[in-house]
Amino acid sequence: MVNEGGRYDGQLEMRQRQRQQTLVAGLGGAWLARCVAGLAAVSVGGAAAQTPAKPSEAEVCLTANQSLSLGAALPRTTARLNAAATLRIVAIGSSSTTGLWVVTRAATYPEVMRRELARLWPSAQIEVVNSGRIGETIGGSISRFERDVLAYGPDLVVWQLGTNDVTWGGRADGLKNRVVAGVRSLKAAGVDVILMDLQYAPLVLASSQHSVMETIIADVARQERVGLFPRFELMRRAIDAGLSSGALVAWDGLHNSAAGYDCVGRALARAIHAAGR
């Protein structure tokens, strides 16, 4: 016969055993839940790893322009690069050269070009001077050649031109002779020259003179046997390859977006590299 104390002790022992069983079951359930969650995370991570990353807008642009060519040799540039010597490039032009709307100088096309050239020619030393000026015209650039271009002793000059001359209601009449004179003054200094034409952007396309300006730049490049970087065609090819019409153009409908500057800079560097092979 069990006394009162025995019954009490037995009941207490039973309650403790039940609490232990409940605790063990709870811990087991929590552990199982964590295992399931871990497996699910691994599964999702594996699926994400198997999904290829979507190419950036700049990469799509570059892929669409793999065959882009300057159409002329760059003898001084090529000699400097092949000799692992310092190559000095001066970029002159308007706000497309200064890099209007980008946050840092590193995102401007001249700086992107410099980094890409350094990647393509690791043994060479690349120096770039950005002599862009907002609102620049063809005449304005030519007037600055001595002070803001030739004074730096460049091996290569990239002249971005024509946009402001025709976009803001101007006309291209008589500009061909000025472009020829400008190119010849650069060539007389013994430098290589690349002309960069207009951007494929809404405000440019709205000008009745944009096609005339495009023809002038292309004709001068061919006549004077200097390089032509066809930015207009580059941007149009990218759109034909599937990019939206605003992917390479900033909010103002005129200047390049960050992706646009990136594509222009890298594509130009690759074209310079191709010209030297």
Protein backbone atom coordinates (compact mmCIF):
# COMPACT_ATOMS: atom_id res chain seq x y z
CA MET A 1 0.00 0.00 0.00
CA VAL A 2 1.43 3.35 -0.99
CA ASN A 3 1.38 6.23 1.45
CA GLU A 4 0.43 9.79 0.67
CA GLY A 5 4.07 10.82 0.28
CA GLY A 6 4.65 7.94 -2.15
CA ARG A 7 1.74 8.98 -4.33
CA TYR A 8 2.99 12.55 -4.34
CA ASP A 9 6.52 11.50 -5.27
CA GLY A 10 5.21 9.26 -8.08
CA GLN A 11 3.02 11.97 -9.55
CA LEU A 12 5.90 14.47 -9.43
CA GLU A 13 8.20 12.01 -11.19
CA MET A 14 5.57 11.38 -13.90
CA ARG A 15 5.10 15.13 -14.53
CA GLN A 16 8.87 15.65 -14.84
CA ARG A 17 9.10 12.76 -17.32
CA GLN A 18 6.26 14.25 -19.41
CA ARG A 19 7.93 17.67 -19.43
CA GLN A 20 11.22 16.11 -20.57
CA GLN A 21 9.45 14.22 -23.35
CA THR A 22 7.72 17.41 -24.48
CA LEU A 23 11.02 19.33 -24.44
CA VAL A 24 12.80 16.63 -26.43
CA ALA A 25 9.97 16.57 -28.97
CA GLY A 26 10.10 20.35 -29.30
CA LEU A 27 13.86 20.41 -29.79
CA GLY A 28 13.59 17.64 -32.34
CA GLY A 29 10.91 19.53 -34.23
CA ALA A 30 12.96 22.73 -34.24
CA TRP A 31 16.06 20.85 -35.44
CA LEU A 32 14.03 19.21 -38.20
CA ALA A 33 12.58 22.56 -39.23
CA ARG A 34 16.07 24.07 -39.43
CA CYS A 35 17.26 21.15 -41.54
CA VAL A 36 14.33 21.56 -43.94
CA ALA A 37 14.97 25.32 -44.17
CA GLY A 38 18.65 24.69 -44.83
CA LEU A 39 17.91 22.22 -47.59
CA ALA A 40 15.46 24.66 -49.14
CA ALA A 41 18.10 27.44 -49.09
CA VAL A 42 20.65 25.16 -50.73
CA SER A 43 18.10 24.23 -53.37
CA VAL A 44 17.27 27.88 -54.12
CA GLY A 45 20.97 28.80 -54.16
CA GLY A 46 21.70 25.97 -56.55
CA ALA A 47 18.90 27.06 -58.86
CA ALA A 48 20.16 30.64 -58.79
CA ALA A 49 23.69 29.48 -59.59
CA GLN A 50 22.39 27.57 -62.59
CA THR A 51 20.53 30.62 -63.97
CA PRO A 52 22.93 32.67 -66.15
CA ALA A 53 23.25 36.34 -65.21
CA LYS A 54 21.51 38.73 -67.59
CA PRO A 55 24.09 40.74 -69.58
CA SER A 56 24.29 44.43 -68.79
CA GLU A 57 23.13 47.05 -71.28
CA ALA A 58 26.76 47.94 -71.99
CA GLU A 59 27.60 44.30 -72.67
CA VAL A 60 24.69 43.96 -75.10
CA CYS A 61 25.94 47.09 -76.85
CA LEU A 62 29.49 45.73 -77.08
CA THR A 63 28.33 42.37 -78.39
CA ALA A 64 26.36 44.11 -81.14
CA ASN A 65 29.48 46.02 -82.19
CA GLN A 66 32.22 43.40 -82.24
CA SER A 67 33.00 44.14 -85.88
CA LEU A 68 33.31 47.90 -85.39
CA SER A 69 36.35 49.41 -87.13
CA LEU A 70 38.01 52.83 -87.22
CA GLY A 71 38.68 52.43 -90.94
CA ALA A 72 42.25 53.75 -90.70
CA ALA A 73 45.60 52.85 -89.22
CA LEU A 74 47.01 54.58 -86.14
CA PRO A 75 50.76 54.32 -86.75
CA ARG A 76 52.02 56.48 -83.89
CA THR A 77 49.63 54.93 -81.39
CA THR A 78 50.47 51.40 -82.47
CA ALA A 79 54.21 52.05 -82.28
CA ARG A 80 53.92 53.42 -78.74
CA LEU A 81 51.79 50.53 -77.56
CA ASN A 82 53.97 47.84 -79.14
CA ALA A 83 57.07 49.41 -77.62
CA ALA A 84 55.44 49.36 -74.17
CA ALA A 85 55.98 53.12 -74.06
CA THR A 86 53.69 55.74 -72.56
CA LEU A 87 50.75 56.53 -74.82
CA ARG A 88 49.19 59.94 -74.24
CA ILE A 89 45.66 60.51 -75.52
CA VAL A 90 43.80 63.82 -75.49
CA ALA A 91 40.02 63.71 -75.81
CA ILE A 92 38.44 66.98 -76.94
CA GLY A 93 34.81 67.75 -77.57
CA SER A 94 31.65 68.84 -75.82
CA SER A 95 29.65 67.54 -72.85
CA SER A 96 29.76 64.00 -74.24
CA THR A 97 33.48 64.16 -73.55
CA THR A 98 33.25 65.83 -70.15
CA GLY A 99 30.73 63.11 -69.23
CA LEU A 100 27.69 65.19 -68.35
CA TRP A 101 25.34 63.48 -65.83
CA VAL A 102 27.74 60.77 -64.66
CA VAL A 103 28.61 60.78 -60.95
CA THR A 104 32.37 60.30 -61.17
CA ARG A 105 35.12 61.01 -63.69
CA ALA A 106 35.82 57.27 -63.78
CA ALA A 107 32.50 56.79 -65.63
CA THR A 108 33.33 59.19 -68.49
CA TYR A 109 34.13 57.60 -71.83
CA PRO A 110 37.81 58.76 -71.85
CA GLU A 111 38.46 57.11 -68.48
CA VAL A 112 36.60 53.94 -69.48
CA MET A 113 38.69 53.88 -72.66
CA ARG A 114 41.91 54.26 -70.65
CA ARG A 115 41.08 51.34 -68.37
CA GLU A 116 40.12 49.11 -71.27
CA LEU A 117 43.30 49.94 -73.19
CA ALA A 118 45.33 49.16 -70.07
CA ARG A 119 43.59 45.80 -69.88
CA LEU A 120 44.23 45.05 -73.55
CA TRP A 121 47.87 46.25 -73.41
CA PRO A 122 49.07 45.46 -69.85
CA SER A 123 52.66 46.40 -70.67
CA ALA A 124 51.78 49.90 -71.92
CA GLN A 125 51.34 53.06 -69.87
CA ILE A 126 48.17 54.90 -70.87
CA GLU A 127 47.65 58.57 -70.04
CA VAL A 128 44.42 60.37 -70.92
CA VAL A 129 43.71 64.10 -70.80
CA ASN A 130 40.03 65.08 -70.88
CA SER A 131 39.74 68.46 -72.63
CA GLY A 132 35.99 68.37 -73.09
CA ARG A 133 33.93 71.52 -72.60
CA ILE A 134 30.16 71.74 -72.19
CA GLY A 135 28.47 73.43 -75.14
CA GLU A 136 31.50 73.09 -77.43
CA THR A 137 31.15 73.56 -81.19
CA ILE A 138 33.51 72.66 -84.01
CA GLY A 139 34.90 76.18 -84.12
CA GLY A 140 35.28 76.23 -80.36
CA SER A 141 37.32 73.04 -80.34
CA ILE A 142 39.62 74.22 -83.12
CA SER A 143 40.29 77.46 -81.25
CA ARG A 144 41.47 75.40 -78.25
CA PHE A 145 43.70 72.93 -80.11
CA GLU A 146 46.97 74.67 -79.29
CA ARG A 147 46.26 75.28 -75.60
CA ASP A 148 44.10 72.29 -74.63
CA VAL A 149 45.36 69.57 -77.00
CA LEU A 150 48.78 70.03 -78.57
CA ALA A 151 50.28 71.56 -75.43
CA TYR A 152 50.05 68.13 -73.81
CA GLY A 153 52.17 66.47 -76.51
CA PRO A 154 49.62 63.79 -77.43
CA ASP A 155 50.21 60.71 -79.52
CA LEU A 156 46.50 60.32 -80.27
CA VAL A 157 43.65 62.85 -80.34
CA VAL A 158 40.01 61.81 -80.16
CA TRP A 159 37.85 64.67 -81.43
CA GLN A 160 34.15 64.30 -80.60
CA LEU A 161 32.33 66.83 -82.75
CA GLY A 162 29.24 68.03 -84.53
CA THR A 163 26.39 67.50 -82.10
CA ASN A 164 26.01 71.05 -80.78
CA ASP A 165 26.54 72.55 -84.23
CA VAL A 166 23.33 71.00 -85.56
CA THR A 167 21.16 70.04 -82.56
CA TRP A 168 20.35 73.54 -81.36
CA GLY A 169 18.91 74.85 -84.61
CA GLY A 170 22.21 75.31 -86.40
CA ARG A 171 23.09 74.29 -89.92
CA ALA A 172 25.98 72.26 -91.29
CA ASP A 173 26.62 74.57 -94.24
CA GLY A 174 30.33 75.32 -94.62
CA LEU A 175 31.36 73.13 -91.69
CA LYS A 176 33.18 70.55 -93.80
CA ASN A 177 35.98 72.97 -94.62
CA ARG A 178 36.39 73.79 -90.94
CA VAL A 179 36.58 70.13 -89.97
CA VAL A 180 39.18 69.50 -92.69
CA ALA A 181 41.24 72.45 -91.45
CA GLY A 182 41.02 71.19 -87.88
CA VAL A 183 42.11 67.67 -88.78
CA ARG A 184 45.02 68.94 -90.84
CA SER A 185 46.28 71.12 -88.02
CA LEU A 186 46.35 68.05 -85.75
CA LYS A 187 48.03 65.88 -88.37
CA ALA A 188 50.66 68.58 -88.91
CA ALA A 189 51.70 68.03 -85.30
CA GLY A 190 52.37 64.37 -86.10
CA VAL A 191 49.54 62.92 -84.01
CA ASP A 192 47.04 60.20 -84.86
CA VAL A 193 43.44 61.41 -85.10
CA ILE A 194 40.08 59.76 -84.47
CA LEU A 195 36.84 61.61 -85.18
CA MET A 196 33.84 60.63 -83.05
CA ASP A 197 30.50 61.40 -84.67
CA LEU A 198 27.06 62.18 -83.22
CA GLN A 199 25.06 60.14 -80.75
CA TYR A 200 21.93 58.24 -81.79
CA ALA A 201 19.58 60.14 -79.50
CA PRO A 202 16.13 61.78 -79.76
CA LEU A 203 17.33 65.39 -79.80
CA VAL A 204 19.93 64.60 -82.45
CA LEU A 205 17.43 62.74 -84.61
CA ALA A 206 15.02 65.69 -84.31
CA SER A 207 17.53 67.91 -86.12
CA SER A 208 17.06 68.13 -89.87
CA GLN A 209 20.83 68.54 -90.19
CA HIS A 210 22.05 65.47 -88.33
CA SER A 211 22.44 63.32 -91.44
CA VAL A 212 24.34 66.12 -93.19
CA MET A 213 26.72 66.36 -90.24
CA GLU A 214 27.19 62.59 -90.19
CA THR A 215 28.12 62.67 -93.87
CA ILE A 216 30.59 65.52 -93.35
CA ILE A 217 32.42 63.71 -90.54
CA ALA A 218 32.59 60.43 -92.47
CA ASP A 219 33.78 62.16 -95.64
CA VAL A 220 36.52 64.06 -93.84
CA ALA A 221 37.75 60.93 -92.06
CA ARG A 222 37.97 59.08 -95.36
CA GLN A 223 39.51 62.00 -97.26
CA GLU A 224 42.14 62.74 -94.60
CA ARG A 225 42.73 59.06 -93.79
CA VAL A 226 42.06 59.39 -90.09
CA GLY A 227 40.06 57.14 -87.83
CA LEU A 228 36.28 57.39 -87.51
CA PHE A 229 34.57 56.11 -84.40
CA PRO A 230 30.92 55.73 -85.54
CA ARG A 231 29.09 56.36 -82.27
CA PHE A 232 25.82 56.95 -84.13
CA GLU A 233 25.99 53.52 -85.75
CA LEU A 234 27.18 51.86 -82.55
CA MET A 235 24.12 53.03 -80.62
CA ARG A 236 21.75 52.16 -83.46
CA ARG A 237 23.18 48.63 -83.70
CA ALA A 238 22.65 48.17 -79.96
CA ILE A 239 18.98 49.08 -80.31
CA ASP A 240 18.63 46.70 -83.26
CA ALA A 241 20.13 44.02 -80.99
CA GLY A 242 17.30 44.45 -78.50
CA LEU A 243 18.16 47.32 -76.18
CA SER A 244 15.44 49.85 -75.47
CA SER A 245 15.78 53.19 -77.23
CA GLY A 246 16.62 54.86 -73.91
CA ALA A 247 19.13 52.32 -72.60
CA LEU A 248 22.19 54.24 -73.80
CA VAL A 249 20.68 57.74 -73.54
CA ALA A 250 20.25 59.87 -70.42
CA TRP A 251 16.97 61.39 -69.22
CA ASP A 252 17.56 64.55 -71.30
CA GLY A 253 17.25 62.68 -74.60
CA LEU A 254 20.70 63.79 -75.73
CA HIS A 255 23.66 62.70 -73.63
CA ASN A 256 24.78 59.15 -73.04
CA SER A 257 23.66 57.25 -69.99
CA ALA A 258 26.23 55.54 -67.75
CA ALA A 259 25.80 52.39 -69.85
CA GLY A 260 26.23 54.46 -72.99
CA TYR A 261 29.50 56.01 -71.86
CA ASP A 262 30.70 52.58 -70.75
CA CYS A 263 29.99 51.02 -74.14
CA VAL A 264 31.48 53.95 -76.06
CA GLY A 265 34.69 53.93 -74.00
CA ARG A 266 35.27 50.19 -74.18
CA ALA A 267 34.28 49.90 -77.84
CA LEU A 268 36.67 52.74 -78.75
CA ALA A 269 39.53 51.08 -76.86
CA ARG A 270 38.87 47.79 -78.61
CA ALA A 271 38.80 49.54 -82.00
CA ILE A 272 42.16 51.19 -81.23
CA HIS A 273 43.53 47.78 -80.22
CA ALA A 274 42.23 46.21 -83.44
CA ALA A 275 43.81 48.97 -85.53
CA GLY A 276 47.17 48.16 -84.02
CA ARG A 277 47.17 44.43 -84.77
